[in-house]
PDB file of N, CA and C in Angstrom:
ATOM      1  N   MET A   1     -32.348  32.701 -53.481  1.00  0.00           N
ATOM      2  CA  MET A   1     -32.664  33.799 -52.588  1.00  0.00           C
ATOM      3  C   MET A   1     -32.242  33.426 -51.176  1.00  0.00           C
ATOM      4  N   ALA A   2     -31.676  34.374 -50.468  1.00  0.00           N
ATOM      5  CA  ALA A   2     -31.194  34.130 -49.107  1.00  0.00           C
ATOM      6  C   ALA A   2     -32.367  34.040 -48.137  1.00  0.00           C
ATOM      7  N   ILE A   3     -32.175  33.258 -47.112  1.00  0.00           N
ATOM      8  CA  ILE A   3     -33.188  33.087 -46.081  1.00  0.00           C
ATOM      9  C   ILE A   3     -32.960  34.139 -44.993  1.00  0.00           C
ATOM     10  N   SER A   4     -34.021  34.674 -44.433  1.00  0.00           N
ATOM     11  CA  SER A   4     -33.890  35.692 -43.391  1.00  0.00           C
ATOM     12  C   SER A   4     -33.497  35.053 -42.061  1.00  0.00           C
ATOM     13  N   ARG A   5     -33.043  35.890 -41.139  1.00  0.00           N
ATOM     14  CA  ARG A   5     -32.699  35.385 -39.796  1.00  0.00           C
ATOM     15  C   ARG A   5     -33.918  34.759 -39.138  1.00  0.00           C
ATOM     16  N   LYS A   6     -35.049  35.417 -39.270  1.00  0.00           N
ATOM     17  CA  LYS A   6     -36.283  34.932 -38.649  1.00  0.00           C
ATOM     18  C   LYS A   6     -36.675  33.563 -39.214  1.00  0.00           C
ATOM     19  N   GLN A   7     -36.589  33.403 -40.529  1.00  0.00           N
ATOM     20  CA  GLN A   7     -36.912  32.128 -41.162  1.00  0.00           C
ATOM     21  C   GLN A   7     -35.909  31.049 -40.749  1.00  0.00           C
ATOM     22  N   ALA A   8     -34.646  31.429 -40.651  1.00  0.00           N
ATOM     23  CA  ALA A   8     -33.616  30.473 -40.254  1.00  0.00           C
ATOM     24  C   ALA A   8     -33.860  29.966 -38.840  1.00  0.00           C
ATOM     25  N   ILE A   9     -34.186  30.872 -37.918  1.00  0.00           N
ATOM     26  CA  ILE A   9     -34.450  30.468 -36.538  1.00  0.00           C
ATOM     27  C   ILE A   9     -35.680  29.563 -36.479  1.00  0.00           C
ATOM     28  N   ALA A  10     -36.713  29.890 -37.246  1.00  0.00           N
ATOM     29  CA  ALA A  10     -37.920  29.046 -37.285  1.00  0.00           C
ATOM     30  C   ALA A  10     -37.575  27.650 -37.800  1.00  0.00           C
ATOM     31  N   ARG A  11     -36.731  27.584 -38.818  1.00  0.00           N
ATOM     32  CA  ARG A  11     -36.301  26.292 -39.356  1.00  0.00           C
ATOM     33  C   ARG A  11     -35.458  25.540 -38.325  1.00  0.00           C
ATOM     34  N   GLY A  12     -34.620  26.277 -37.595  1.00  0.00           N
ATOM     35  CA  GLY A  12     -33.804  25.660 -36.544  1.00  0.00           C
ATOM     36  C   GLY A  12     -34.659  25.109 -35.424  1.00  0.00           C
ATOM     37  N   GLU A  13     -35.683  25.855 -35.031  1.00  0.00           N
ATOM     38  CA  GLU A  13     -36.590  25.370 -33.983  1.00  0.00           C
ATOM     39  C   GLU A  13     -37.294  24.095 -34.425  1.00  0.00           C
ATOM     40  N   LYS A  14     -37.672  24.036 -35.688  1.00  0.00           N
ATOM     41  CA  LYS A  14     -38.315  22.825 -36.207  1.00  0.00           C
ATOM     42  C   LYS A  14     -37.338  21.648 -36.193  1.00  0.00           C
ATOM     43  N   ALA A  15     -36.071  21.921 -36.486  1.00  0.00           N
ATOM     44  CA  ALA A  15     -35.060  20.851 -36.522  1.00  0.00           C
ATOM     45  C   ALA A  15     -34.812  20.235 -35.145  1.00  0.00           C
ATOM     46  N   ILE A  16     -35.052  21.013 -34.077  1.00  0.00           N
ATOM     47  CA  ILE A  16     -34.792  20.486 -32.735  1.00  0.00           C
ATOM     48  C   ILE A  16     -36.065  20.117 -31.987  1.00  0.00           C
ATOM     49  N   GLU A  17     -37.212  20.116 -32.678  1.00  0.00           N
ATOM     50  CA  GLU A  17     -38.463  19.739 -32.026  1.00  0.00           C
ATOM     51  C   GLU A  17     -38.358  18.378 -31.356  1.00  0.00           C
ATOM     52  N   ARG A  18     -37.793  17.435 -32.075  1.00  0.00           N
ATOM     53  CA  ARG A  18     -37.588  16.093 -31.536  1.00  0.00           C
ATOM     54  C   ARG A  18     -36.130  16.008 -31.079  1.00  0.00           C
ATOM     55  N   PRO A  19     -35.891  15.711 -29.800  1.00  0.00           N
ATOM     56  CA  PRO A  19     -34.509  15.667 -29.297  1.00  0.00           C
ATOM     57  C   PRO A  19     -33.628  14.695 -30.083  1.00  0.00           C
ATOM     58  N   LYS A  20     -32.414  15.141 -30.333  1.00  0.00           N
ATOM     59  CA  LYS A  20     -31.436  14.328 -31.060  1.00  0.00           C
ATOM     60  C   LYS A  20     -30.128  14.329 -30.295  1.00  0.00           C
ATOM     61  N   GLY A  21     -29.504  13.204 -30.225  1.00  0.00           N
ATOM     62  CA  GLY A  21     -28.219  13.099 -29.547  1.00  0.00           C
ATOM     63  C   GLY A  21     -27.084  13.645 -30.387  1.00  0.00           C
ATOM     64  N   GLU A  22     -27.232  13.568 -31.706  1.00  0.00           N
ATOM     65  CA  GLU A  22     -26.179  14.048 -32.595  1.00  0.00           C
ATOM     66  C   GLU A  22     -26.787  14.760 -33.795  1.00  0.00           C
ATOM     67  N   MET A  23     -26.320  15.968 -33.991  1.00  0.00           N
ATOM     68  CA  MET A  23     -26.692  16.758 -35.166  1.00  0.00           C
ATOM     69  C   MET A  23     -25.390  17.247 -35.794  1.00  0.00           C
ATOM     70  N   ALA A  24     -25.137  16.843 -37.033  1.00  0.00           N
ATOM     71  CA  ALA A  24     -23.942  17.302 -37.738  1.00  0.00           C
ATOM     72  C   ALA A  24     -24.265  18.652 -38.368  1.00  0.00           C
ATOM     73  N   VAL A  25     -23.604  19.705 -37.883  1.00  0.00           N
ATOM     74  CA  VAL A  25     -23.860  21.059 -38.367  1.00  0.00           C
ATOM     75  C   VAL A  25     -22.581  21.654 -38.945  1.00  0.00           C
ATOM     76  N   THR A  26     -22.760  22.647 -39.794  1.00  0.00           N
ATOM     77  CA  THR A  26     -21.640  23.369 -40.395  1.00  0.00           C
ATOM     78  C   THR A  26     -21.801  24.848 -40.089  1.00  0.00           C
ATOM     79  N   LEU A  27     -20.735  25.454 -39.597  1.00  0.00           N
ATOM     80  CA  LEU A  27     -20.699  26.890 -39.325  1.00  0.00           C
ATOM     81  C   LEU A  27     -19.886  27.533 -40.440  1.00  0.00           C
ATOM     82  N   TYR A  28     -20.518  28.432 -41.177  1.00  0.00           N
ATOM     83  CA  TYR A  28     -19.872  29.092 -42.308  1.00  0.00           C
ATOM     84  C   TYR A  28     -19.800  30.596 -42.055  1.00  0.00           C
ATOM     85  N   HIS A  29     -18.619  31.163 -42.262  1.00  0.00           N
ATOM     86  CA  HIS A  29     -18.410  32.601 -42.100  1.00  0.00           C
ATOM     87  C   HIS A  29     -18.338  33.222 -43.489  1.00  0.00           C
ATOM     88  N   GLY A  30     -19.438  33.807 -43.929  1.00  0.00           N
ATOM     89  CA  GLY A  30     -19.512  34.372 -45.271  1.00  0.00           C
ATOM     90  C   GLY A  30     -19.457  35.887 -45.272  1.00  0.00           C
ATOM     91  N   LYS A  31     -19.689  36.465 -46.442  1.00  0.00           N
ATOM     92  CA  LYS A  31     -19.660  37.915 -46.610  1.00  0.00           C
ATOM     93  C   LYS A  31     -20.802  38.605 -45.890  1.00  0.00           C
ATOM     94  N   VAL A  32     -21.939  37.926 -45.775  1.00  0.00           N
ATOM     95  CA  VAL A  32     -23.118  38.557 -45.179  1.00  0.00           C
ATOM     96  C   VAL A  32     -23.334  38.150 -43.732  1.00  0.00           C
ATOM     97  N   GLY A  33     -22.393  37.420 -43.152  1.00  0.00           N
ATOM     98  CA  GLY A  33     -22.502  37.024 -41.750  1.00  0.00           C
ATOM     99  C   GLY A  33     -22.137  35.575 -41.542  1.00  0.00           C
ATOM    100  N   VAL A  34     -22.623  35.035 -40.438  1.00  0.00           N
ATOM    101  CA  VAL A  34     -22.335  33.659 -40.056  1.00  0.00           C
ATOM    102  C   VAL A  34     -23.606  32.836 -40.205  1.00  0.00           C
ATOM    103  N   THR A  35     -23.460  31.646 -40.779  1.00  0.00           N
ATOM    104  CA  THR A  35     -24.589  30.766 -41.027  1.00  0.00           C
ATOM    105  C   THR A  35     -24.315  29.400 -40.419  1.00  0.00           C
ATOM    106  N   VAL A  36     -25.337  28.824 -39.791  1.00  0.00           N
ATOM    107  CA  VAL A  36     -25.256  27.452 -39.285  1.00  0.00           C
ATOM    108  C   VAL A  36     -26.204  26.620 -40.127  1.00  0.00           C
ATOM    109  N   LYS A  37     -25.675  25.533 -40.700  1.00  0.00           N
ATOM    110  CA  LYS A  37     -26.483  24.657 -41.537  1.00  0.00           C
ATOM    111  C   LYS A  37     -26.585  23.270 -40.914  1.00  0.00           C
ATOM    112  N   TYR A  38     -27.763  22.680 -41.079  1.00  0.00           N
ATOM    113  CA  TYR A  38     -28.020  21.302 -40.649  1.00  0.00           C
ATOM    114  C   TYR A  38     -28.710  20.609 -41.813  1.00  0.00           C
ATOM    115  N   LYS A  39     -28.167  19.491 -42.243  1.00  0.00           N
ATOM    116  CA  LYS A  39     -28.677  18.758 -43.403  1.00  0.00           C
ATOM    117  C   LYS A  39     -28.774  19.664 -44.628  1.00  0.00           C
ATOM    118  N   GLY A  40     -27.787  20.548 -44.789  1.00  0.00           N
ATOM    119  CA  GLY A  40     -27.718  21.417 -45.949  1.00  0.00           C
ATOM    120  C   GLY A  40     -28.662  22.607 -45.927  1.00  0.00           C
ATOM    121  N   ARG A  41     -29.398  22.772 -44.840  1.00  0.00           N
ATOM    122  CA  ARG A  41     -30.361  23.882 -44.750  1.00  0.00           C
ATOM    123  C   ARG A  41     -29.953  24.839 -43.642  1.00  0.00           C
ATOM    124  N   VAL A  42     -30.144  26.125 -43.874  1.00  0.00           N
ATOM    125  CA  VAL A  42     -29.790  27.144 -42.889  1.00  0.00           C
ATOM    126  C   VAL A  42     -30.752  27.059 -41.716  1.00  0.00           C
ATOM    127  N   VAL A  43     -30.186  26.893 -40.501  1.00  0.00           N
ATOM    128  CA  VAL A  43     -31.004  26.804 -39.287  1.00  0.00           C
ATOM    129  C   VAL A  43     -30.706  27.939 -38.311  1.00  0.00           C
ATOM    130  N   ALA A  44     -29.680  28.720 -38.578  1.00  0.00           N
ATOM    131  CA  ALA A  44     -29.356  29.878 -37.744  1.00  0.00           C
ATOM    132  C   ALA A  44     -28.472  30.812 -38.558  1.00  0.00           C
ATOM    133  N   ARG A  45     -28.623  32.102 -38.272  1.00  0.00           N
ATOM    134  CA  ARG A  45     -27.851  33.085 -39.028  1.00  0.00           C
ATOM    135  C   ARG A  45     -27.645  34.336 -38.182  1.00  0.00           C
ATOM    136  N   THR A  46     -26.453  34.902 -38.291  1.00  0.00           N
ATOM    137  CA  THR A  46     -26.194  36.230 -37.752  1.00  0.00           C
ATOM    138  C   THR A  46     -25.742  37.087 -38.929  1.00  0.00           C
ATOM    139  N   LEU A  47     -26.213  38.292 -38.983  1.00  0.00           N
ATOM    140  CA  LEU A  47     -25.898  39.166 -40.105  1.00  0.00           C
ATOM    141  C   LEU A  47     -24.577  39.887 -39.888  1.00  0.00           C
ATOM    142  N   ASP A  48     -24.033  40.417 -40.962  1.00  0.00           N
ATOM    143  CA  ASP A  48     -22.795  41.193 -40.886  1.00  0.00           C
ATOM    144  C   ASP A  48     -23.140  42.631 -40.504  1.00  0.00           C
ATOM    145  N   SER A  49     -23.641  42.770 -39.293  1.00  0.00           N
ATOM    146  CA  SER A  49     -23.969  44.072 -38.706  1.00  0.00           C
ATOM    147  C   SER A  49     -23.263  44.113 -37.355  1.00  0.00           C
ATOM    148  N   ARG A  50     -23.291  45.233 -36.716  1.00  0.00           N
ATOM    149  CA  ARG A  50     -22.614  45.339 -35.411  1.00  0.00           C
ATOM    150  C   ARG A  50     -23.115  44.280 -34.421  1.00  0.00           C
ATOM    151  N   PRO A  51     -24.425  44.153 -34.216  1.00  0.00           N
ATOM    152  CA  PRO A  51     -24.894  43.111 -33.285  1.00  0.00           C
ATOM    153  C   PRO A  51     -24.542  41.701 -33.754  1.00  0.00           C
ATOM    154  N   GLY A  52     -24.619  41.459 -35.066  1.00  0.00           N
ATOM    155  CA  GLY A  52     -24.290  40.140 -35.604  1.00  0.00           C
ATOM    156  C   GLY A  52     -22.830  39.786 -35.434  1.00  0.00           C
ATOM    157  N   ARG A  53     -21.954  40.756 -35.681  1.00  0.00           N
ATOM    158  CA  ARG A  53     -20.507  40.519 -35.508  1.00  0.00           C
ATOM    159  C   ARG A  53     -20.149  40.305 -34.047  1.00  0.00           C
ATOM    160  N   MET A  54     -20.913  40.932 -33.143  1.00  0.00           N
ATOM    161  CA  MET A  54     -20.645  40.762 -31.709  1.00  0.00           C
ATOM    162  C   MET A  54     -20.984  39.342 -31.247  1.00  0.00           C
ATOM    163  N   VAL A  55     -22.056  38.777 -31.764  1.00  0.00           N
ATOM    164  CA  VAL A  55     -22.540  37.489 -31.283  1.00  0.00           C
ATOM    165  C   VAL A  55     -21.927  36.299 -32.042  1.00  0.00           C
ATOM    166  N   ALA A  56     -21.441  36.506 -33.259  1.00  0.00           N
ATOM    167  CA  ALA A  56     -20.952  35.417 -34.106  1.00  0.00           C
ATOM    168  C   ALA A  56     -19.875  34.541 -33.446  1.00  0.00           C
ATOM    169  N   PRO A  57     -18.842  35.099 -32.808  1.00  0.00           N
ATOM    170  CA  PRO A  57     -17.831  34.229 -32.189  1.00  0.00           C
ATOM    171  C   PRO A  57     -18.404  33.348 -31.074  1.00  0.00           C
ATOM    172  N   TYR A  58     -19.451  33.828 -30.422  1.00  0.00           N
ATOM    173  CA  TYR A  58     -20.057  33.054 -29.346  1.00  0.00           C
ATOM    174  C   TYR A  58     -20.865  31.876 -29.882  1.00  0.00           C
ATOM    175  N   VAL A  59     -21.360  32.000 -31.106  1.00  0.00           N
ATOM    176  CA  VAL A  59     -22.042  30.874 -31.747  1.00  0.00           C
ATOM    177  C   VAL A  59     -21.037  29.738 -31.928  1.00  0.00           C
ATOM    178  N   ALA A  60     -19.852  30.078 -32.414  1.00  0.00           N
ATOM    179  CA  ALA A  60     -18.792  29.076 -32.584  1.00  0.00           C
ATOM    180  C   ALA A  60     -18.393  28.486 -31.242  1.00  0.00           C
ATOM    181  N   GLN A  61     -18.270  29.323 -30.230  1.00  0.00           N
ATOM    182  CA  GLN A  61     -17.891  28.846 -28.898  1.00  0.00           C
ATOM    183  C   GLN A  61     -18.937  27.871 -28.360  1.00  0.00           C
ATOM    184  N   ALA A  62     -20.208  28.177 -28.545  1.00  0.00           N
ATOM    185  CA  ALA A  62     -21.275  27.287 -28.079  1.00  0.00           C
ATOM    186  C   ALA A  62     -21.219  25.946 -28.796  1.00  0.00           C
ATOM    187  N   LEU A  63     -20.842  25.965 -30.082  1.00  0.00           N
ATOM    188  CA  LEU A  63     -20.713  24.727 -30.837  1.00  0.00           C
ATOM    189  C   LEU A  63     -19.426  23.968 -30.482  1.00  0.00           C
ATOM    190  N   GLY A  64     -18.507  24.635 -29.803  1.00  0.00           N
ATOM    191  CA  GLY A  64     -17.249  23.999 -29.415  1.00  0.00           C
ATOM    192  C   GLY A  64     -16.233  23.940 -30.537  1.00  0.00           C
ATOM    193  N   VAL A  65     -16.285  24.916 -31.447  1.00  0.00           N
ATOM    194  CA  VAL A  65     -15.346  24.955 -32.575  1.00  0.00           C
ATOM    195  C   VAL A  65     -14.661  26.313 -32.634  1.00  0.00           C
ATOM    196  N   GLU A  66     -13.577  26.386 -33.404  1.00  0.00           N
ATOM    197  CA  GLU A  66     -12.886  27.650 -33.634  1.00  0.00           C
ATOM    198  C   GLU A  66     -13.698  28.481 -34.617  1.00  0.00           C
ATOM    199  N   PHE A  67     -13.715  29.788 -34.405  1.00  0.00           N
ATOM    200  CA  PHE A  67     -14.416  30.691 -35.312  1.00  0.00           C
ATOM    201  C   PHE A  67     -13.651  30.740 -36.627  1.00  0.00           C
ATOM    202  N   PRO A  68     -14.295  30.398 -37.760  1.00  0.00           N
ATOM    203  CA  PRO A  68     -13.571  30.350 -39.032  1.00  0.00           C
ATOM    204  C   PRO A  68     -13.264  31.740 -39.587  1.00  0.00           C
ATOM    205  N   GLU A  69     -12.221  31.795 -40.386  1.00  0.00           N
ATOM    206  CA  GLU A  69     -11.872  33.017 -41.110  1.00  0.00           C
ATOM    207  C   GLU A  69     -12.965  33.300 -42.144  1.00  0.00           C
ATOM    208  N   PRO A  70     -13.087  34.544 -42.619  1.00  0.00           N
ATOM    209  CA  PRO A  70     -14.071  34.825 -43.661  1.00  0.00           C
ATOM    210  C   PRO A  70     -13.883  33.901 -44.867  1.00  0.00           C
ATOM    211  N   GLY A  71     -14.980  33.311 -45.304  1.00  0.00           N
ATOM    212  CA  GLY A  71     -14.939  32.363 -46.410  1.00  0.00           C
ATOM    213  C   GLY A  71     -14.727  30.929 -45.962  1.00  0.00           C
ATOM    214  N   GLY A  72     -14.441  30.729 -44.677  1.00  0.00           N
ATOM    215  CA  GLY A  72     -14.173  29.392 -44.165  1.00  0.00           C
ATOM    216  C   GLY A  72     -15.372  28.779 -43.460  1.00  0.00           C
ATOM    217  N   SER A  73     -15.264  27.495 -43.208  1.00  0.00           N
ATOM    218  CA  SER A  73     -16.325  26.800 -42.490  1.00  0.00           C
ATOM    219  C   SER A  73     -15.719  25.720 -41.600  1.00  0.00           C
ATOM    220  N   VAL A  74     -16.471  25.343 -40.575  1.00  0.00           N
ATOM    221  CA  VAL A  74     -16.071  24.263 -39.678  1.00  0.00           C
ATOM    222  C   VAL A  74     -17.297  23.394 -39.411  1.00  0.00           C
ATOM    223  N   LYS A  75     -17.041  22.138 -39.120  1.00  0.00           N
ATOM    224  CA  LYS A  75     -18.120  21.198 -38.832  1.00  0.00           C
ATOM    225  C   LYS A  75     -18.102  20.838 -37.357  1.00  0.00           C
ATOM    226  N   ALA A  76     -19.279  20.539 -36.842  1.00  0.00           N
ATOM    227  CA  ALA A  76     -19.412  20.124 -35.446  1.00  0.00           C
ATOM    228  C   ALA A  76     -20.553  19.122 -35.357  1.00  0.00           C
ATOM    229  N   VAL A  77     -20.452  18.239 -34.383  1.00  0.00           N
ATOM    230  CA  VAL A  77     -21.540  17.310 -34.089  1.00  0.00           C
ATOM    231  C   VAL A  77     -21.965  17.598 -32.659  1.00  0.00           C
ATOM    232  N   VAL A  78     -23.204  18.067 -32.508  1.00  0.00           N
ATOM    233  CA  VAL A  78     -23.710  18.478 -31.208  1.00  0.00           C
ATOM    234  C   VAL A  78     -25.107  17.902 -31.006  1.00  0.00           C
ATOM    235  N   SER A  79     -25.588  17.971 -29.783  1.00  0.00           N
ATOM    236  CA  SER A  79     -26.940  17.519 -29.480  1.00  0.00           C
ATOM    237  C   SER A  79     -27.948  18.617 -29.796  1.00  0.00           C
ATOM    238  N   SER A  80     -29.211  18.250 -29.816  1.00  0.00           N
ATOM    239  CA  SER A  80     -30.251  19.253 -30.051  1.00  0.00           C
ATOM    240  C   SER A  80     -30.306  20.251 -28.893  1.00  0.00           C
ATOM    241  N   GLY A  81     -29.896  19.829 -27.701  1.00  0.00           N
ATOM    242  CA  GLY A  81     -29.838  20.748 -26.566  1.00  0.00           C
ATOM    243  C   GLY A  81     -28.823  21.852 -26.790  1.00  0.00           C
ATOM    244  N   VAL A  82     -27.670  21.499 -27.333  1.00  0.00           N
ATOM    245  CA  VAL A  82     -26.656  22.507 -27.657  1.00  0.00           C
ATOM    246  C   VAL A  82     -27.178  23.411 -28.768  1.00  0.00           C
ATOM    247  N   MET A  83     -27.849  22.834 -29.749  1.00  0.00           N
ATOM    248  CA  MET A  83     -28.402  23.644 -30.832  1.00  0.00           C
ATOM    249  C   MET A  83     -29.449  24.619 -30.312  1.00  0.00           C
ATOM    250  N   PHE A  84     -30.207  24.231 -29.303  1.00  0.00           N
ATOM    251  CA  PHE A  84     -31.168  25.155 -28.700  1.00  0.00           C
ATOM    252  C   PHE A  84     -30.434  26.368 -28.144  1.00  0.00           C
ATOM    253  N   ARG A  85     -29.306  26.126 -27.483  1.00  0.00           N
ATOM    254  CA  ARG A  85     -28.511  27.238 -26.930  1.00  0.00           C
ATOM    255  C   ARG A  85     -27.940  28.099 -28.052  1.00  0.00           C
ATOM    256  N   VAL A  86     -27.500  27.473 -29.149  1.00  0.00           N
ATOM    257  CA  VAL A  86     -26.974  28.225 -30.295  1.00  0.00           C
ATOM    258  C   VAL A  86     -28.060  29.127 -30.880  1.00  0.00           C
ATOM    259  N   LEU A  87     -29.259  28.589 -31.057  1.00  0.00           N
ATOM    260  CA  LEU A  87     -30.362  29.393 -31.573  1.00  0.00           C
ATOM    261  C   LEU A  87     -30.665  30.562 -30.640  1.00  0.00           C
ATOM    262  N   SER A  88     -30.619  30.307 -29.343  1.00  0.00           N
ATOM    263  CA  SER A  88     -30.871  31.371 -28.367  1.00  0.00           C
ATOM    264  C   SER A  88     -29.805  32.448 -28.446  1.00  0.00           C
ATOM    265  N   ILE A  89     -28.560  32.050 -28.589  1.00  0.00           N
ATOM    266  CA  ILE A  89     -27.455  33.010 -28.692  1.00  0.00           C
ATOM    267  C   ILE A  89     -27.615  33.862 -29.950  1.00  0.00           C
ATOM    268  N   CYS A  90     -28.047  33.249 -31.044  1.00  0.00           N
ATOM    269  CA  CYS A  90     -28.228  33.988 -32.303  1.00  0.00           C
ATOM    270  C   CYS A  90     -29.268  35.096 -32.183  1.00  0.00           C
ATOM    271  N   THR A  91     -30.181  34.972 -31.238  1.00  0.00           N
ATOM    272  CA  THR A  91     -31.231  35.981 -31.104  1.00  0.00           C
ATOM    273  C   THR A  91     -30.874  37.084 -30.113  1.00  0.00           C
ATOM    274  N   LEU A  92     -29.734  36.969 -29.439  1.00  0.00           N
ATOM    275  CA  LEU A  92     -29.342  37.985 -28.451  1.00  0.00           C
ATOM    276  C   LEU A  92     -28.823  39.250 -29.124  1.00  0.00           C
ATOM    277  N   ASP A  93     -29.107  40.380 -28.508  1.00  0.00           N
ATOM    278  CA  ASP A  93     -28.544  41.660 -28.931  1.00  0.00           C
ATOM    279  C   ASP A  93     -27.623  42.112 -27.799  1.00  0.00           C
ATOM    280  N   LEU A  94     -26.329  41.905 -27.984  1.00  0.00           N
ATOM    281  CA  LEU A  94     -25.357  42.167 -26.918  1.00  0.00           C
ATOM    282  C   LEU A  94     -25.185  43.647 -26.600  1.00  0.00           C
ATOM    283  N   ARG A  95     -25.884  44.521 -27.306  1.00  0.00           N
ATOM    284  CA  ARG A  95     -25.858  45.942 -26.957  1.00  0.00           C
ATOM    285  C   ARG A  95     -26.712  46.207 -25.724  1.00  0.00           C
ATOM    286  N   ASN A  96     -27.603  45.280 -25.386  1.00  0.00           N
ATOM    287  CA  ASN A  96     -28.440  45.406 -24.191  1.00  0.00           C
ATOM    288  C   ASN A  96     -27.713  44.828 -22.989  1.00  0.00           C
ATOM    289  N   GLU A  97     -27.820  45.494 -21.858  1.00  0.00           N
ATOM    290  CA  GLU A  97     -27.081  45.070 -20.661  1.00  0.00           C
ATOM    291  C   GLU A  97     -27.545  43.719 -20.124  1.00  0.00           C
ATOM    292  N   TRP A  98     -28.810  43.362 -20.316  1.00  0.00           N
ATOM    293  CA  TRP A  98     -29.320  42.090 -19.805  1.00  0.00           C
ATOM    294  C   TRP A  98     -28.823  40.900 -20.611  1.00  0.00           C
ATOM    295  N   ALA A  99     -28.316  41.149 -21.822  1.00  0.00           N
ATOM    296  CA  ALA A  99     -27.922  40.053 -22.703  1.00  0.00           C
ATOM    297  C   ALA A  99     -26.623  39.380 -22.278  1.00  0.00           C
ATOM    298  N   THR A 100     -25.714  40.110 -21.656  1.00  0.00           N
ATOM    299  CA  THR A 100     -24.423  39.529 -21.286  1.00  0.00           C
ATOM    300  C   THR A 100     -24.554  38.401 -20.269  1.00  0.00           C
ATOM    301  N   PRO A 101     -25.300  38.575 -19.171  1.00  0.00           N
ATOM    302  CA  PRO A 101     -25.448  37.443 -18.247  1.00  0.00           C
ATOM    303  C   PRO A 101     -26.167  36.258 -18.899  1.00  0.00           C
ATOM    304  N   MET A 102     -27.123  36.539 -19.781  1.00  0.00           N
ATOM    305  CA  MET A 102     -27.816  35.462 -20.485  1.00  0.00           C
ATOM    306  C   MET A 102     -26.856  34.717 -21.390  1.00  0.00           C
ATOM    307  N   LEU A 103     -25.989  35.438 -22.096  1.00  0.00           N
ATOM    308  CA  LEU A 103     -24.992  34.824 -22.963  1.00  0.00           C
ATOM    309  C   LEU A 103     -24.072  33.912 -22.161  1.00  0.00           C
ATOM    310  N   GLU A 104     -23.575  34.398 -21.041  1.00  0.00           N
ATOM    311  CA  GLU A 104     -22.680  33.594 -20.201  1.00  0.00           C
ATOM    312  C   GLU A 104     -23.367  32.312 -19.743  1.00  0.00           C
ATOM    313  N   TYR A 105     -24.624  32.433 -19.351  1.00  0.00           N
ATOM    314  CA  TYR A 105     -25.391  31.274 -18.905  1.00  0.00           C
ATOM    315  C   TYR A 105     -25.560  30.253 -20.040  1.00  0.00           C
ATOM    316  N   LEU A 106     -25.922  30.730 -21.226  1.00  0.00           N
ATOM    317  CA  LEU A 106     -26.115  29.842 -22.371  1.00  0.00           C
ATOM    318  C   LEU A 106     -24.816  29.155 -22.780  1.00  0.00           C
ATOM    319  N   LEU A 107     -23.692  29.885 -22.726  1.00  0.00           N
ATOM    320  CA  LEU A 107     -22.396  29.289 -23.069  1.00  0.00           C
ATOM    321  C   LEU A 107     -21.991  28.220 -22.059  1.00  0.00           C
ATOM    322  N   GLN A 108     -22.228  28.470 -20.776  1.00  0.00           N
ATOM    323  CA  GLN A 108     -21.917  27.464 -19.756  1.00  0.00           C
ATOM    324  C   GLN A 108     -22.743  26.208 -19.960  1.00  0.00           C
ATOM    325  N   GLU A 109     -24.029  26.388 -20.244  1.00  0.00           N
ATOM    326  CA  GLU A 109     -24.893  25.232 -20.477  1.00  0.00           C
ATOM    327  C   GLU A 109     -24.451  24.444 -21.702  1.00  0.00           C
ATOM    328  N   ALA A 110     -24.130  25.140 -22.786  1.00  0.00           N
ATOM    329  CA  ALA A 110     -23.692  24.466 -24.015  1.00  0.00           C
ATOM    330  C   ALA A 110     -22.409  23.679 -23.766  1.00  0.00           C
ATOM    331  N   GLN A 111     -21.479  24.270 -23.037  1.00  0.00           N
ATOM    332  CA  GLN A 111     -20.223  23.585 -22.736  1.00  0.00           C
ATOM    333  C   GLN A 111     -20.479  22.343 -21.893  1.00  0.00           C
ATOM    334  N   ALA A 112     -21.333  22.458 -20.889  1.00  0.00           N
ATOM    335  CA  ALA A 112     -21.650  21.315 -20.041  1.00  0.00           C
ATOM    336  C   ALA A 112     -22.325  20.212 -20.851  1.00  0.00           C
ATOM    337  N   MET A 113     -23.196  20.584 -21.762  1.00  0.00           N
ATOM    338  CA  MET A 113     -23.889  19.585 -22.578  1.00  0.00           C
ATOM    339  C   MET A 113     -22.949  18.888 -23.556  1.00  0.00           C
ATOM    340  N   ARG A 114     -21.987  19.626 -24.097  1.00  0.00           N
ATOM    341  CA  ARG A 114     -21.036  19.005 -25.022  1.00  0.00           C
ATOM    342  C   ARG A 114     -20.153  18.009 -24.296  1.00  0.00           C
ATOM    343  N   GLY A 115     -19.882  18.237 -23.013  1.00  0.00           N
ATOM    344  CA  GLY A 115     -19.011  17.353 -22.250  1.00  0.00           C
ATOM    345  C   GLY A 115     -19.738  16.189 -21.600  1.00  0.00           C
ATOM    346  N   PHE A 116     -21.067  16.193 -21.663  1.00  0.00           N
ATOM    347  CA  PHE A 116     -21.844  15.164 -21.008  1.00  0.00           C
ATOM    348  C   PHE A 116     -21.853  13.893 -21.817  1.00  0.00           C
ATOM    349  N   LYS A 117     -21.591  12.770 -21.160  1.00  0.00           N
ATOM    350  CA  LYS A 117     -21.676  11.463 -21.781  1.00  0.00           C
ATOM    351  C   LYS A 117     -22.720  10.650 -21.041  1.00  0.00           C
ATOM    352  N   SER A 118     -23.628  10.083 -21.781  1.00  0.00           N
ATOM    353  CA  SER A 118     -24.690   9.282 -21.187  1.00  0.00           C
ATOM    354  C   SER A 118     -24.109   8.043 -20.550  1.00  0.00           C
ATOM    355  N   ALA A 119     -24.768   7.560 -19.491  1.00  0.00           N
ATOM    356  CA  ALA A 119     -24.340   6.314 -18.840  1.00  0.00           C
ATOM    357  C   ALA A 119     -24.472   5.147 -19.809  1.00  0.00           C
ATOM    358  N   LEU A 120     -25.346   5.259 -20.780  1.00  0.00           N
ATOM    359  CA  LEU A 120     -25.547   4.188 -21.766  1.00  0.00           C
ATOM    360  C   LEU A 120     -24.388   4.088 -22.743  1.00  0.00           C
ATOM    361  N   THR A 121     -23.653   5.193 -22.976  1.00  0.00           N
ATOM    362  CA  THR A 121     -22.576   5.173 -23.947  1.00  0.00           C
ATOM    363  C   THR A 121     -21.206   4.920 -23.313  1.00  0.00           C
ATOM    364  N   GLU A 122     -21.154   4.829 -22.015  1.00  0.00           N
ATOM    365  CA  GLU A 122     -19.854   4.617 -21.353  1.00  0.00           C
ATOM    366  C   GLU A 122     -19.429   3.171 -21.417  1.00  0.00           C
TER     367      GLU A 122
END
């Protein structure tokens, strides 16, 4: 049985409760929408509806990967901070005027976080 968007977001929030420097996630573009998996479990989902199709490419952009063709998937390794932004983007309804500035802000933050290298790892 498929997991709902609400359940997926709840599972995603649980996955990022404890900060992680690296989370290996998979972005899959299926028939019913876009799914983000972590450790084989769905942690974020956008449906194949108008709002879901509008936000799906931005999920890939936040993860720093190319949006896959239908039936395809891509892998990314991101921090829990980036995953927080991905979860936030998945909940946006871009039909609302307030959502666009929020989306831009979340994408900028995700990009900055992906490019950040700790002083300990240099």
